[in-house]
Amino acid sequence: MVEHFKAVPDFRPRFESYPLWSLLTIVLLATLCGAPRGQKELAKFARGLSQPQRRALGIRRNAQGKYPAPTQPTFCRLLQRVDAHKVQQAILAIQQQVRGAAPKDQLVVLDGKEPKHGSGASVLSAVTVPSQHYLGSAVVQEKTNEIPIARELFKQLELQDRLVSLDALHTQGETARGAGVGTRSRLSADGQGQPTHLARTDRKTGYSPRG
């Protein structure tokens, strides 16, 4: 885990106590432990770490000989300025190391959620079902919607010959072509009875929207 996070470039020219990989590891550990999201909660989780745990996470000693806990402003700067693409690459590498490759015969579901402690933007994520392997995500800013973001996210995913599920708002020809959708597609419904588009992707075939 640590080695993957060490590959993420630090946005700071120098630091005193917290290597970037240390902060990213704390964020991942907090998530795995079910800690509430948000910078305040991350700082609270970090304060709960013992001195030996902080030392093991690479935190440097301060002038008092202690291993300090990262504060809320530290996590705020981290989440605002870190290279999100590099972090995603590290997370995918860690997932493959721990869980193995994502199954290629499972449904790929794209779904947008607004974080409880966010700024109003939502996050569109792709996962496999039922294994829940994470495939990638992208931020959907307030002044846009999921449609153009999904098209960009498709470029990061390997969707050839995969079954993909999206909300009905994505049932557009351009979106389908971006995913490489082939000739077979159908409409279904998600768990809440909302229309969902299921499409078999095939980058070797063209796509013709049907009425």
C-alpha atoms as a PDB file:
ATOM      1  CA  MET A   1       0.000   0.000   0.000  1.00  0.00           C
ATOM      2  CA  VAL A   2       2.670   2.476   1.069  1.00  0.00           C
ATOM      3  CA  GLU A   3       4.822   1.910  -2.020  1.00  0.00           C
ATOM      4  CA  HIS A   4       1.895   2.730  -4.309  1.00  0.00           C
ATOM      5  CA  PHE A   5       1.147   5.974  -2.476  1.00  0.00           C
ATOM      6  CA  LYS A   6       4.820   6.935  -2.592  1.00  0.00           C
ATOM      7  CA  ALA A   7       4.459   7.114  -6.380  1.00  0.00           C
ATOM      8  CA  VAL A   8       2.002  10.025  -6.039  1.00  0.00           C
ATOM      9  CA  PRO A   9       3.920  13.324  -6.522  1.00  0.00           C
ATOM     10  CA  ASP A  10       3.891  15.741  -3.612  1.00  0.00           C
ATOM     11  CA  PHE A  11       2.379  19.146  -4.390  1.00  0.00           C
ATOM     12  CA  ARG A  12       4.495  20.781  -1.672  1.00  0.00           C
ATOM     13  CA  PRO A  13       8.095  21.920  -2.242  1.00  0.00           C
ATOM     14  CA  ARG A  14       8.915  20.827   1.330  1.00  0.00           C
ATOM     15  CA  PHE A  15       7.175  19.508   4.429  1.00  0.00           C
ATOM     16  CA  GLU A  16       7.964  19.198   8.142  1.00  0.00           C
ATOM     17  CA  SER A  17       5.964  16.356   9.638  1.00  0.00           C
ATOM     18  CA  TYR A  18       3.753  14.589   7.122  1.00  0.00           C
ATOM     19  CA  PRO A  19       4.981  12.888   3.943  1.00  0.00           C
ATOM     20  CA  LEU A  20       2.264  12.812   1.292  1.00  0.00           C
ATOM     21  CA  TRP A  21       2.130   9.017   1.344  1.00  0.00           C
ATOM     22  CA  SER A  22       1.505   9.151   5.110  1.00  0.00           C
ATOM     23  CA  LEU A  23      -1.526  11.416   4.664  1.00  0.00           C
ATOM     24  CA  LEU A  24      -2.936   9.298   1.830  1.00  0.00           C
ATOM     25  CA  THR A  25      -2.492   6.135   3.869  1.00  0.00           C
ATOM     26  CA  ILE A  26      -4.368   7.692   6.800  1.00  0.00           C
ATOM     27  CA  VAL A  27      -7.233   8.650   4.468  1.00  0.00           C
ATOM     28  CA  LEU A  28      -7.443   5.097   3.129  1.00  0.00           C
ATOM     29  CA  LEU A  29      -7.256   3.556   6.612  1.00  0.00           C
ATOM     30  CA  ALA A  30      -9.997   5.891   7.847  1.00  0.00           C
ATOM     31  CA  THR A  31     -12.182   4.862   4.907  1.00  0.00           C
ATOM     32  CA  LEU A  32     -11.566   1.154   5.491  1.00  0.00           C
ATOM     33  CA  CYS A  33     -12.387   1.609   9.194  1.00  0.00           C
ATOM     34  CA  GLY A  34     -15.716   3.212   8.324  1.00  0.00           C
ATOM     35  CA  ALA A  35     -14.807   6.658   9.638  1.00  0.00           C
ATOM     36  CA  PRO A  36     -17.200   9.436   8.512  1.00  0.00           C
ATOM     37  CA  ARG A  37     -15.992  11.392   5.495  1.00  0.00           C
ATOM     38  CA  GLY A  38     -14.694  14.955   5.642  1.00  0.00           C
ATOM     39  CA  GLN A  39     -11.527  16.734   6.754  1.00  0.00           C
ATOM     40  CA  LYS A  40     -12.759  17.174  10.325  1.00  0.00           C
ATOM     41  CA  GLU A  41     -13.442  13.461  10.690  1.00  0.00           C
ATOM     42  CA  LEU A  42     -10.099  12.561   9.107  1.00  0.00           C
ATOM     43  CA  ALA A  43      -8.320  14.745  11.659  1.00  0.00           C
ATOM     44  CA  LYS A  44     -10.297  13.059  14.452  1.00  0.00           C
ATOM     45  CA  PHE A  45      -9.297   9.628  13.147  1.00  0.00           C
ATOM     46  CA  ALA A  46      -5.640  10.707  12.989  1.00  0.00           C
ATOM     47  CA  ARG A  47      -5.766  11.942  16.592  1.00  0.00           C
ATOM     48  CA  GLY A  48      -6.926   8.487  17.634  1.00  0.00           C
ATOM     49  CA  LEU A  49      -3.757   6.873  16.272  1.00  0.00           C
ATOM     50  CA  SER A  50      -1.148   5.955  18.861  1.00  0.00           C
ATOM     51  CA  GLN A  51       2.421   7.273  18.798  1.00  0.00           C
ATOM     52  CA  PRO A  52       3.792   3.937  17.476  1.00  0.00           C
ATOM     53  CA  GLN A  53       1.087   3.905  14.774  1.00  0.00           C
ATOM     54  CA  ARG A  54       1.955   7.438  13.676  1.00  0.00           C
ATOM     55  CA  ARG A  55       5.634   6.543  13.563  1.00  0.00           C
ATOM     56  CA  ALA A  56       4.853   3.448  11.454  1.00  0.00           C
ATOM     57  CA  LEU A  57       2.901   5.692   9.078  1.00  0.00           C
ATOM     58  CA  GLY A  58       5.998   7.788   8.418  1.00  0.00           C
ATOM     59  CA  ILE A  59       5.072  10.878  10.445  1.00  0.00           C
ATOM     60  CA  ARG A  60       8.161  12.744  11.602  1.00  0.00           C
ATOM     61  CA  ARG A  61       8.901  13.780  15.159  1.00  0.00           C
ATOM     62  CA  ASN A  62       8.350  17.384  16.192  1.00  0.00           C
ATOM     63  CA  ALA A  63      10.578  19.508  18.438  1.00  0.00           C
ATOM     64  CA  GLN A  64       9.011  17.885  21.507  1.00  0.00           C
ATOM     65  CA  GLY A  65       9.957  14.414  20.317  1.00  0.00           C
ATOM     66  CA  LYS A  66       6.344  13.482  19.569  1.00  0.00           C
ATOM     67  CA  TYR A  67       4.698  12.243  16.385  1.00  0.00           C
ATOM     68  CA  PRO A  68       1.954  14.832  15.790  1.00  0.00           C
ATOM     69  CA  ALA A  69      -1.440  14.097  14.256  1.00  0.00           C
ATOM     70  CA  PRO A  70      -2.353  15.850  10.988  1.00  0.00           C
ATOM     71  CA  THR A  71      -4.916  18.611  11.521  1.00  0.00           C
ATOM     72  CA  GLN A  72      -8.083  19.471   9.626  1.00  0.00           C
ATOM     73  CA  PRO A  73      -6.376  22.210   7.528  1.00  0.00           C
ATOM     74  CA  THR A  74      -3.681  19.700   6.528  1.00  0.00           C
ATOM     75  CA  PHE A  75      -6.275  17.283   5.161  1.00  0.00           C
ATOM     76  CA  CYS A  76      -8.129  20.175   3.519  1.00  0.00           C
ATOM     77  CA  ARG A  77      -5.007  21.211   1.574  1.00  0.00           C
ATOM     78  CA  LEU A  78      -4.336  17.569   0.699  1.00  0.00           C
ATOM     79  CA  LEU A  79      -7.772  16.968  -0.802  1.00  0.00           C
ATOM     80  CA  GLN A  80      -7.706  20.256  -2.713  1.00  0.00           C
ATOM     81  CA  ARG A  81      -4.252  20.017  -4.241  1.00  0.00           C
ATOM     82  CA  VAL A  82      -3.188  16.375  -4.598  1.00  0.00           C
ATOM     83  CA  ASP A  83      -3.102  14.886  -8.108  1.00  0.00           C
ATOM     84  CA  ALA A  84      -6.431  13.015  -8.143  1.00  0.00           C
ATOM     85  CA  HIS A  85      -5.519  10.947 -11.199  1.00  0.00           C
ATOM     86  CA  LYS A  86      -2.309   9.687  -9.580  1.00  0.00           C
ATOM     87  CA  VAL A  87      -4.197   8.868  -6.372  1.00  0.00           C
ATOM     88  CA  GLN A  88      -6.752   6.886  -8.364  1.00  0.00           C
ATOM     89  CA  GLN A  89      -3.963   4.935 -10.060  1.00  0.00           C
ATOM     90  CA  ALA A  90      -2.498   4.111  -6.645  1.00  0.00           C
ATOM     91  CA  ILE A  91      -5.872   2.990  -5.277  1.00  0.00           C
ATOM     92  CA  LEU A  92      -6.472   0.738  -8.288  1.00  0.00           C
ATOM     93  CA  ALA A  93      -3.011  -0.793  -7.866  1.00  0.00           C
ATOM     94  CA  ILE A  94      -3.643  -1.408  -4.155  1.00  0.00           C
ATOM     95  CA  GLN A  95      -7.025  -2.967  -4.919  1.00  0.00           C
ATOM     96  CA  GLN A  96      -5.488  -5.335  -7.464  1.00  0.00           C
ATOM     97  CA  GLN A  97      -2.753  -6.291  -5.002  1.00  0.00           C
ATOM     98  CA  VAL A  98      -5.254  -7.048  -2.222  1.00  0.00           C
ATOM     99  CA  ARG A  99      -8.278  -8.358  -4.135  1.00  0.00           C
ATOM    100  CA  GLY A 100      -6.979  -9.311  -7.546  1.00  0.00           C
ATOM    101  CA  ALA A 101      -8.168  -8.044 -10.915  1.00  0.00           C
ATOM    102  CA  ALA A 102     -11.763  -6.886 -11.329  1.00  0.00           C
ATOM    103  CA  PRO A 103     -13.919  -9.667 -12.858  1.00  0.00           C
ATOM    104  CA  LYS A 104     -14.493  -9.019 -16.555  1.00  0.00           C
ATOM    105  CA  ASP A 105     -17.751 -10.981 -16.669  1.00  0.00           C
ATOM    106  CA  GLN A 106     -19.597  -8.772 -14.162  1.00  0.00           C
ATOM    107  CA  LEU A 107     -21.904  -5.811 -14.688  1.00  0.00           C
ATOM    108  CA  VAL A 108     -20.258  -2.372 -14.631  1.00  0.00           C
ATOM    109  CA  VAL A 109     -22.453   0.159 -12.813  1.00  0.00           C
ATOM    110  CA  LEU A 110     -21.978   3.926 -13.072  1.00  0.00           C
ATOM    111  CA  ASP A 111     -23.658   5.883 -10.308  1.00  0.00           C
ATOM    112  CA  GLY A 112     -23.374   9.447  -9.021  1.00  0.00           C
ATOM    113  CA  LYS A 113     -23.441  10.345  -5.329  1.00  0.00           C
ATOM    114  CA  GLU A 114     -23.097  13.665  -3.521  1.00  0.00           C
ATOM    115  CA  PRO A 115     -20.732  13.415  -0.518  1.00  0.00           C
ATOM    116  CA  LYS A 116     -22.325  14.422   2.782  1.00  0.00           C
ATOM    117  CA  HIS A 117     -19.449  16.779   3.557  1.00  0.00           C
ATOM    118  CA  GLY A 118     -18.809  18.027   0.047  1.00  0.00           C
ATOM    119  CA  SER A 119     -19.073  21.398  -1.643  1.00  0.00           C
ATOM    120  CA  GLY A 120     -22.164  20.540  -3.644  1.00  0.00           C
ATOM    121  CA  ALA A 121     -20.337  18.623  -6.353  1.00  0.00           C
ATOM    122  CA  SER A 122     -21.085  14.931  -6.774  1.00  0.00           C
ATOM    123  CA  VAL A 123     -18.849  11.984  -7.659  1.00  0.00           C
ATOM    124  CA  LEU A 124     -19.615   9.617 -10.530  1.00  0.00           C
ATOM    125  CA  SER A 125     -18.088   6.203  -9.835  1.00  0.00           C
ATOM    126  CA  ALA A 126     -17.822   2.953 -11.758  1.00  0.00           C
ATOM    127  CA  VAL A 127     -17.854  -0.373  -9.907  1.00  0.00           C
ATOM    128  CA  THR A 128     -18.420  -4.014 -10.769  1.00  0.00           C
ATOM    129  CA  VAL A 129     -21.471  -5.803  -9.393  1.00  0.00           C
ATOM    130  CA  PRO A 130     -21.685  -7.915  -7.308  1.00  0.00           C
ATOM    131  CA  SER A 131     -17.956  -7.925  -6.426  1.00  0.00           C
ATOM    132  CA  GLN A 132     -17.827  -4.137  -5.856  1.00  0.00           C
ATOM    133  CA  HIS A 133     -14.436  -3.681  -7.479  1.00  0.00           C
ATOM    134  CA  TYR A 134     -13.710   0.017  -7.916  1.00  0.00           C
ATOM    135  CA  LEU A 135     -12.919   0.952 -11.529  1.00  0.00           C
ATOM    136  CA  GLY A 136     -12.683   4.730 -11.483  1.00  0.00           C
ATOM    137  CA  SER A 137     -14.484   7.969 -10.667  1.00  0.00           C
ATOM    138  CA  ALA A 138     -14.797  11.606 -11.698  1.00  0.00           C
ATOM    139  CA  VAL A 139     -16.117  14.776 -10.066  1.00  0.00           C
ATOM    140  CA  VAL A 140     -19.353  16.281 -11.380  1.00  0.00           C
ATOM    141  CA  GLN A 141     -19.294  20.004 -10.644  1.00  0.00           C
ATOM    142  CA  GLU A 142     -22.473  21.894  -9.680  1.00  0.00           C
ATOM    143  CA  LYS A 143     -22.842  23.706 -13.013  1.00  0.00           C
ATOM    144  CA  THR A 144     -22.770  20.557 -15.119  1.00  0.00           C
ATOM    145  CA  ASN A 145     -24.332  17.087 -15.053  1.00  0.00           C
ATOM    146  CA  GLU A 146     -23.228  13.471 -15.264  1.00  0.00           C
ATOM    147  CA  ILE A 147     -23.559  13.126 -19.047  1.00  0.00           C
ATOM    148  CA  PRO A 148     -20.281  14.766 -20.229  1.00  0.00           C
ATOM    149  CA  ILE A 149     -18.438  13.443 -17.171  1.00  0.00           C
ATOM    150  CA  ALA A 150     -19.552   9.876 -17.915  1.00  0.00           C
ATOM    151  CA  ARG A 151     -18.244  10.224 -21.472  1.00  0.00           C
ATOM    152  CA  GLU A 152     -14.839  11.266 -20.147  1.00  0.00           C
ATOM    153  CA  LEU A 153     -14.875   8.474 -17.556  1.00  0.00           C
ATOM    154  CA  PHE A 154     -15.514   5.904 -20.298  1.00  0.00           C
ATOM    155  CA  LYS A 155     -12.118   6.773 -21.767  1.00  0.00           C
ATOM    156  CA  GLN A 156     -10.442   5.534 -18.573  1.00  0.00           C
ATOM    157  CA  LEU A 157     -12.325   2.227 -18.424  1.00  0.00           C
ATOM    158  CA  GLU A 158     -11.867  -1.045 -20.285  1.00  0.00           C
ATOM    159  CA  LEU A 159     -15.454  -1.680 -21.392  1.00  0.00           C
ATOM    160  CA  GLN A 160     -15.081  -3.923 -24.423  1.00  0.00           C
ATOM    161  CA  ASP A 161     -17.627  -6.773 -24.278  1.00  0.00           C
ATOM    162  CA  ARG A 162     -18.865  -5.583 -20.877  1.00  0.00           C
ATOM    163  CA  LEU A 163     -22.439  -5.029 -19.727  1.00  0.00           C
ATOM    164  CA  VAL A 164     -22.801  -1.442 -18.463  1.00  0.00           C
ATOM    165  CA  SER A 165     -25.611   0.036 -16.358  1.00  0.00           C
ATOM    166  CA  LEU A 166     -26.331   3.787 -16.289  1.00  0.00           C
ATOM    167  CA  ASP A 167     -29.208   6.048 -15.293  1.00  0.00           C
ATOM    168  CA  ALA A 168     -31.738   6.717 -18.037  1.00  0.00           C
ATOM    169  CA  LEU A 169     -30.419  10.252 -18.606  1.00  0.00           C
ATOM    170  CA  HIS A 170     -27.383   8.632 -20.269  1.00  0.00           C
ATOM    171  CA  THR A 171     -29.418   6.916 -23.008  1.00  0.00           C
ATOM    172  CA  GLN A 172     -28.050   9.092 -25.772  1.00  0.00           C
ATOM    173  CA  GLY A 173     -26.301   8.116 -28.975  1.00  0.00           C
ATOM    174  CA  GLU A 174     -23.133  10.086 -28.246  1.00  0.00           C
ATOM    175  CA  THR A 175     -22.808   8.576 -24.758  1.00  0.00           C
ATOM    176  CA  ALA A 176     -23.317   5.099 -26.170  1.00  0.00           C
ATOM    177  CA  ARG A 177     -20.682   5.652 -28.853  1.00  0.00           C
ATOM    178  CA  GLY A 178     -18.276   6.922 -26.193  1.00  0.00           C
ATOM    179  CA  ALA A 179     -18.690   3.652 -24.317  1.00  0.00           C
ATOM    180  CA  GLY A 180     -18.278   1.644 -27.506  1.00  0.00           C
ATOM    181  CA  VAL A 181     -21.797   0.245 -27.330  1.00  0.00           C
ATOM    182  CA  GLY A 182     -22.613  -2.435 -29.858  1.00  0.00           C
ATOM    183  CA  THR A 183     -25.890  -3.425 -31.403  1.00  0.00           C
ATOM    184  CA  ARG A 184     -27.511  -5.005 -28.336  1.00  0.00           C
ATOM    185  CA  SER A 185     -29.026  -2.698 -25.729  1.00  0.00           C
ATOM    186  CA  ARG A 186     -32.089  -2.591 -23.516  1.00  0.00           C
ATOM    187  CA  LEU A 187     -33.779  -0.526 -20.828  1.00  0.00           C
ATOM    188  CA  SER A 188     -34.239  -1.896 -17.346  1.00  0.00           C
ATOM    189  CA  ALA A 189     -34.736  -0.473 -13.838  1.00  0.00           C
ATOM    190  CA  ASP A 190     -32.525  -0.073 -10.808  1.00  0.00           C
ATOM    191  CA  GLY A 191     -33.357  -1.097  -7.251  1.00  0.00           C
ATOM    192  CA  GLN A 192     -35.503   2.003  -6.701  1.00  0.00           C
ATOM    193  CA  GLY A 193     -37.539   1.437  -9.864  1.00  0.00           C
ATOM    194  CA  GLN A 194     -35.755   4.208 -11.769  1.00  0.00           C
ATOM    195  CA  PRO A 195     -35.089   3.679 -15.499  1.00  0.00           C
ATOM    196  CA  THR A 196     -31.582   2.437 -16.126  1.00  0.00           C
ATOM    197  CA  HIS A 197     -29.787   1.846 -19.390  1.00  0.00           C
ATOM    198  CA  LEU A 198     -28.069  -1.492 -19.826  1.00  0.00           C
ATOM    199  CA  ALA A 199     -25.866  -1.827 -22.873  1.00  0.00           C
ATOM    200  CA  ARG A 200     -23.507  -4.483 -24.123  1.00  0.00           C
ATOM    201  CA  THR A 201     -20.331  -2.748 -25.258  1.00  0.00           C
ATOM    202  CA  ASP A 202     -18.358  -3.755 -28.297  1.00  0.00           C
ATOM    203  CA  ARG A 203     -15.757  -1.350 -29.632  1.00  0.00           C
ATOM    204  CA  LYS A 204     -15.596  -3.244 -32.910  1.00  0.00           C
ATOM    205  CA  THR A 205     -19.211  -2.456 -33.811  1.00  0.00           C
ATOM    206  CA  GLY A 206     -21.069   0.714 -34.588  1.00  0.00           C
ATOM    207  CA  TYR A 207     -24.099   1.954 -32.670  1.00  0.00           C
ATOM    208  CA  SER A 208     -27.516   2.899 -33.977  1.00  0.00           C
ATOM    209  CA  PRO A 209     -29.904   4.435 -31.393  1.00  0.00           C
ATOM    210  CA  ARG A 210     -33.309   2.846 -31.470  1.00  0.00           C
ATOM    211  CA  GLY A 211     -36.633   4.457 -30.698  1.00  0.00           C
END
